């Protein structure tokens, strides 16, 4: 049986990486069952993926669109592939090809996973470099911009006769931010 696996790190994934694009690709390959998951690739704990791996049996094929959707570090990737090879499960990465349990196949897998890990590390380094450049500019502030006090006051007013979810939908301010602001206001009133 052909099983497909599609993963995104965030809800807003770049072109070519969205869940819809991945699942469409997997359907075109003839996958009978496709497992979708939103989980960052930097963590090895992906519940749906682990469940899928445990479901696979001899003769099955796991199909993934790209290698970095499968694993983002060499150690984890090799471990999973070896685990699947022991179960006589084939691994087909659409932008790479069918991974085989041969000496050359294992070398190829190790090399590809190392490149994926290097790419991820380089993205991280570029992000840090960008932050360092931004810190040198006037007016730079780390983190999210503060929400205007008037907007927070409006959210508190709305909360008087609405649920947090309704207020969040109307203002775009999260429940936790509203609660923090409410507590701050209460403390300020006690101090007066």
Protein backbone atom coordinates (compact mmCIF):
# COMPACT_ATOMS: atom_id res chain seq x y z
CA UNK A 1 0.00 0.00 0.00
CA UNK A 2 1.18 3.55 -0.72
CA UNK A 3 1.10 5.87 2.30
CA UNK A 4 1.74 9.60 1.98
CA UNK A 5 3.02 11.99 4.62
CA UNK A 6 2.68 15.79 4.39
CA UNK A 7 4.01 18.19 7.03
CA UNK A 8 4.13 21.94 7.43
CA UNK A 9 5.93 23.88 10.15
CA UNK A 10 3.52 26.80 10.20
CA UNK A 11 0.04 27.57 8.93
CA UNK A 12 1.52 30.00 6.41
CA UNK A 13 3.97 27.81 4.55
CA UNK A 14 5.81 29.10 1.46
CA UNK A 15 4.81 28.10 -2.06
CA UNK A 16 5.52 24.46 -2.77
CA UNK A 17 5.37 23.50 0.88
CA UNK A 18 1.70 24.04 1.79
CA UNK A 19 -0.32 21.06 2.99
CA UNK A 20 -2.62 21.34 -0.01
CA UNK A 21 0.25 21.31 -2.50
CA UNK A 22 1.90 18.37 -0.75
CA UNK A 23 -1.31 16.33 -0.52
CA UNK A 24 -2.18 17.06 -4.17
CA UNK A 25 1.27 15.80 -5.14
CA UNK A 26 0.86 12.67 -3.00
CA UNK A 27 -2.60 11.98 -4.47
CA UNK A 28 -1.12 12.25 -7.97
CA UNK A 29 1.41 9.58 -6.97
CA UNK A 30 -1.44 7.23 -6.06
CA UNK A 31 -1.18 7.35 -2.26
CA UNK A 32 -4.14 5.55 -0.74
CA UNK A 33 -3.79 7.09 2.71
CA UNK A 34 -2.25 10.52 3.36
CA UNK A 35 -1.33 11.69 6.86
CA UNK A 36 -1.12 15.48 7.35
CA UNK A 37 0.60 17.22 10.24
CA UNK A 38 1.53 20.73 11.35
CA UNK A 39 4.67 20.39 13.41
CA UNK A 40 8.03 22.11 13.28
CA UNK A 41 10.81 20.10 11.69
CA UNK A 42 13.20 21.07 14.48
CA UNK A 43 11.45 18.68 16.86
CA UNK A 44 11.57 14.94 16.49
CA UNK A 45 8.24 14.44 18.25
CA UNK A 46 5.62 14.27 15.52
CA UNK A 47 2.71 12.16 16.84
CA UNK A 48 0.95 11.51 13.53
CA UNK A 49 4.21 10.66 11.80
CA UNK A 50 5.19 8.24 14.56
CA UNK A 51 1.77 6.61 14.36
CA UNK A 52 2.15 6.25 10.58
CA UNK A 53 5.63 4.71 10.95
CA UNK A 54 4.19 2.14 13.38
CA UNK A 55 1.34 1.36 10.95
CA UNK A 56 3.62 0.56 8.00
CA UNK A 57 4.41 -3.08 7.30
CA UNK A 58 6.41 -5.17 4.82
CA UNK A 59 5.65 -4.29 1.21
CA UNK A 60 4.28 -0.81 2.01
CA UNK A 61 5.80 2.36 0.58
CA UNK A 62 6.04 5.68 2.41
CA UNK A 63 5.86 8.63 -0.01
CA UNK A 64 6.99 12.13 1.00
CA UNK A 65 7.28 15.14 -1.32
CA UNK A 66 10.65 16.42 -0.09
CA UNK A 67 13.38 15.13 2.19
CA UNK A 68 13.05 17.99 4.68
CA UNK A 69 9.37 17.06 5.22
CA UNK A 70 10.59 13.62 6.33
CA UNK A 71 13.45 14.59 8.67
CA UNK A 72 15.52 17.69 9.34
CA UNK A 73 18.56 16.15 10.98
CA UNK A 74 20.83 13.36 9.83
CA UNK A 75 20.65 11.19 12.94
CA UNK A 76 16.86 11.12 13.09
CA UNK A 77 16.49 10.63 9.33
CA UNK A 78 18.90 7.72 9.15
CA UNK A 79 17.31 6.12 12.22
CA UNK A 80 13.81 6.31 10.72
CA UNK A 81 14.94 5.06 7.31
CA UNK A 82 16.80 2.12 8.86
CA UNK A 83 13.76 1.31 10.99
CA UNK A 84 11.61 1.27 7.84
CA UNK A 85 14.16 -0.79 5.90
CA UNK A 86 14.16 -3.41 8.71
CA UNK A 87 10.38 -3.69 8.26
CA UNK A 88 10.90 -4.03 4.45
CA UNK A 89 9.11 -0.72 3.85
CA UNK A 90 10.22 1.33 0.85
CA UNK A 91 10.80 5.06 1.16
CA UNK A 92 10.03 7.23 -1.86
CA UNK A 93 10.98 10.92 -1.67
CA UNK A 94 9.45 12.59 -4.73
CA UNK A 95 12.24 15.10 -5.35
CA UNK A 96 14.94 12.44 -4.74
CA UNK A 97 13.60 9.07 -5.80
CA UNK A 98 13.23 5.64 -4.27
CA UNK A 99 15.62 5.09 -1.37
CA UNK A 100 17.08 1.61 -1.39
CA UNK A 101 18.62 -0.50 1.35
CA UNK A 102 22.01 -0.82 -0.36
CA UNK A 103 25.49 0.54 0.45
CA UNK A 104 25.12 3.21 -2.23
CA UNK A 105 21.55 3.94 -1.15
CA UNK A 106 22.64 4.44 2.47
CA UNK A 107 25.48 6.74 1.38
CA UNK A 108 23.06 8.75 -0.73
CA UNK A 109 20.60 9.06 2.18
CA UNK A 110 23.31 10.19 4.61
CA UNK A 111 24.58 12.79 2.15
CA UNK A 112 21.11 14.19 1.41
CA UNK A 113 20.14 14.41 5.07
CA UNK A 114 23.44 16.13 5.89
CA UNK A 115 22.72 18.73 3.19
CA UNK A 116 19.19 19.29 4.58
CA UNK A 117 20.62 19.80 8.08
CA UNK A 118 23.28 22.18 6.75
CA UNK A 119 20.61 24.19 4.94
CA UNK A 120 18.57 24.48 8.13
CA UNK A 121 21.64 25.63 10.10
CA UNK A 122 22.45 28.22 7.43
CA UNK A 123 18.90 29.60 7.56
CA UNK A 124 19.25 29.92 11.34
CA UNK A 125 22.60 31.72 10.97
CA UNK A 126 21.15 34.12 8.39
CA UNK A 127 18.24 34.86 10.72
CA UNK A 128 20.64 35.67 13.58
CA UNK A 129 22.75 37.86 11.28
CA UNK A 130 19.61 39.72 10.19
CA UNK A 131 18.65 40.33 13.81
CA UNK A 132 22.15 41.64 14.59
CA UNK A 133 21.89 44.11 11.69
CA UNK A 134 18.42 45.17 12.81
CA UNK A 135 19.70 45.79 16.36
CA UNK A 136 22.15 48.40 15.03
CA UNK A 137 19.30 50.50 13.61
CA UNK A 138 17.64 53.29 15.57
CA UNK A 139 14.30 52.40 17.10
CA UNK A 140 14.80 48.63 16.99
CA UNK A 141 12.85 46.76 19.63
CA UNK A 142 13.09 43.02 20.19
CA UNK A 143 9.82 41.07 20.07
CA UNK A 144 6.33 42.09 19.13
CA UNK A 145 5.27 45.73 19.04
CA UNK A 146 3.24 46.90 22.03
CA UNK A 147 -0.52 47.13 21.62
CA UNK A 148 -1.81 50.70 22.04
CA UNK A 149 -3.40 51.31 25.44
CA UNK A 150 -6.56 52.68 23.78
CA UNK A 151 -6.99 49.40 21.90
CA UNK A 152 -6.49 47.42 25.10
CA UNK A 153 -9.07 49.60 26.89
CA UNK A 154 -11.51 48.94 24.05
CA UNK A 155 -10.90 45.18 24.40
CA UNK A 156 -11.64 45.37 28.15
CA UNK A 157 -14.83 47.33 27.46
CA UNK A 158 -15.94 44.76 24.89
CA UNK A 159 -15.14 41.93 27.32
CA UNK A 160 -17.84 43.19 29.69
CA UNK A 161 -20.56 41.54 27.57
CA UNK A 162 -18.66 39.20 25.23
CA UNK A 163 -16.49 36.08 25.45
CA UNK A 164 -12.72 36.26 25.13
CA UNK A 165 -12.96 34.52 21.75
CA UNK A 166 -15.41 37.14 20.47
CA UNK A 167 -13.20 39.99 21.70
CA UNK A 168 -10.15 38.32 20.14
CA UNK A 169 -11.96 38.02 16.79
CA UNK A 170 -13.07 41.67 16.93
CA UNK A 171 -9.79 43.24 18.06
CA UNK A 172 -7.08 40.75 17.16
CA UNK A 173 -5.84 40.86 20.76
CA UNK A 174 -5.24 37.47 22.39
CA UNK A 175 -7.00 36.32 25.54
CA UNK A 176 -3.71 36.22 27.45
CA UNK A 177 -2.91 39.84 26.50
CA UNK A 178 -6.36 40.98 27.63
CA UNK A 179 -5.99 39.14 30.95
CA UNK A 180 -2.50 40.62 31.50
CA UNK A 181 -3.78 44.12 30.78
CA UNK A 182 -6.78 43.61 33.09
CA UNK A 183 -4.46 42.51 35.93
CA UNK A 184 -2.17 45.49 35.29
CA UNK A 185 -5.16 47.86 35.50
CA UNK A 186 -6.31 46.20 38.74
CA UNK A 187 -2.83 46.59 40.26
CA UNK A 188 -2.69 50.23 39.20
CA UNK A 189 -6.08 50.86 40.87
CA UNK A 190 -4.86 49.22 44.10
CA UNK A 191 -1.73 51.38 44.10
CA UNK A 192 -3.74 54.60 43.78
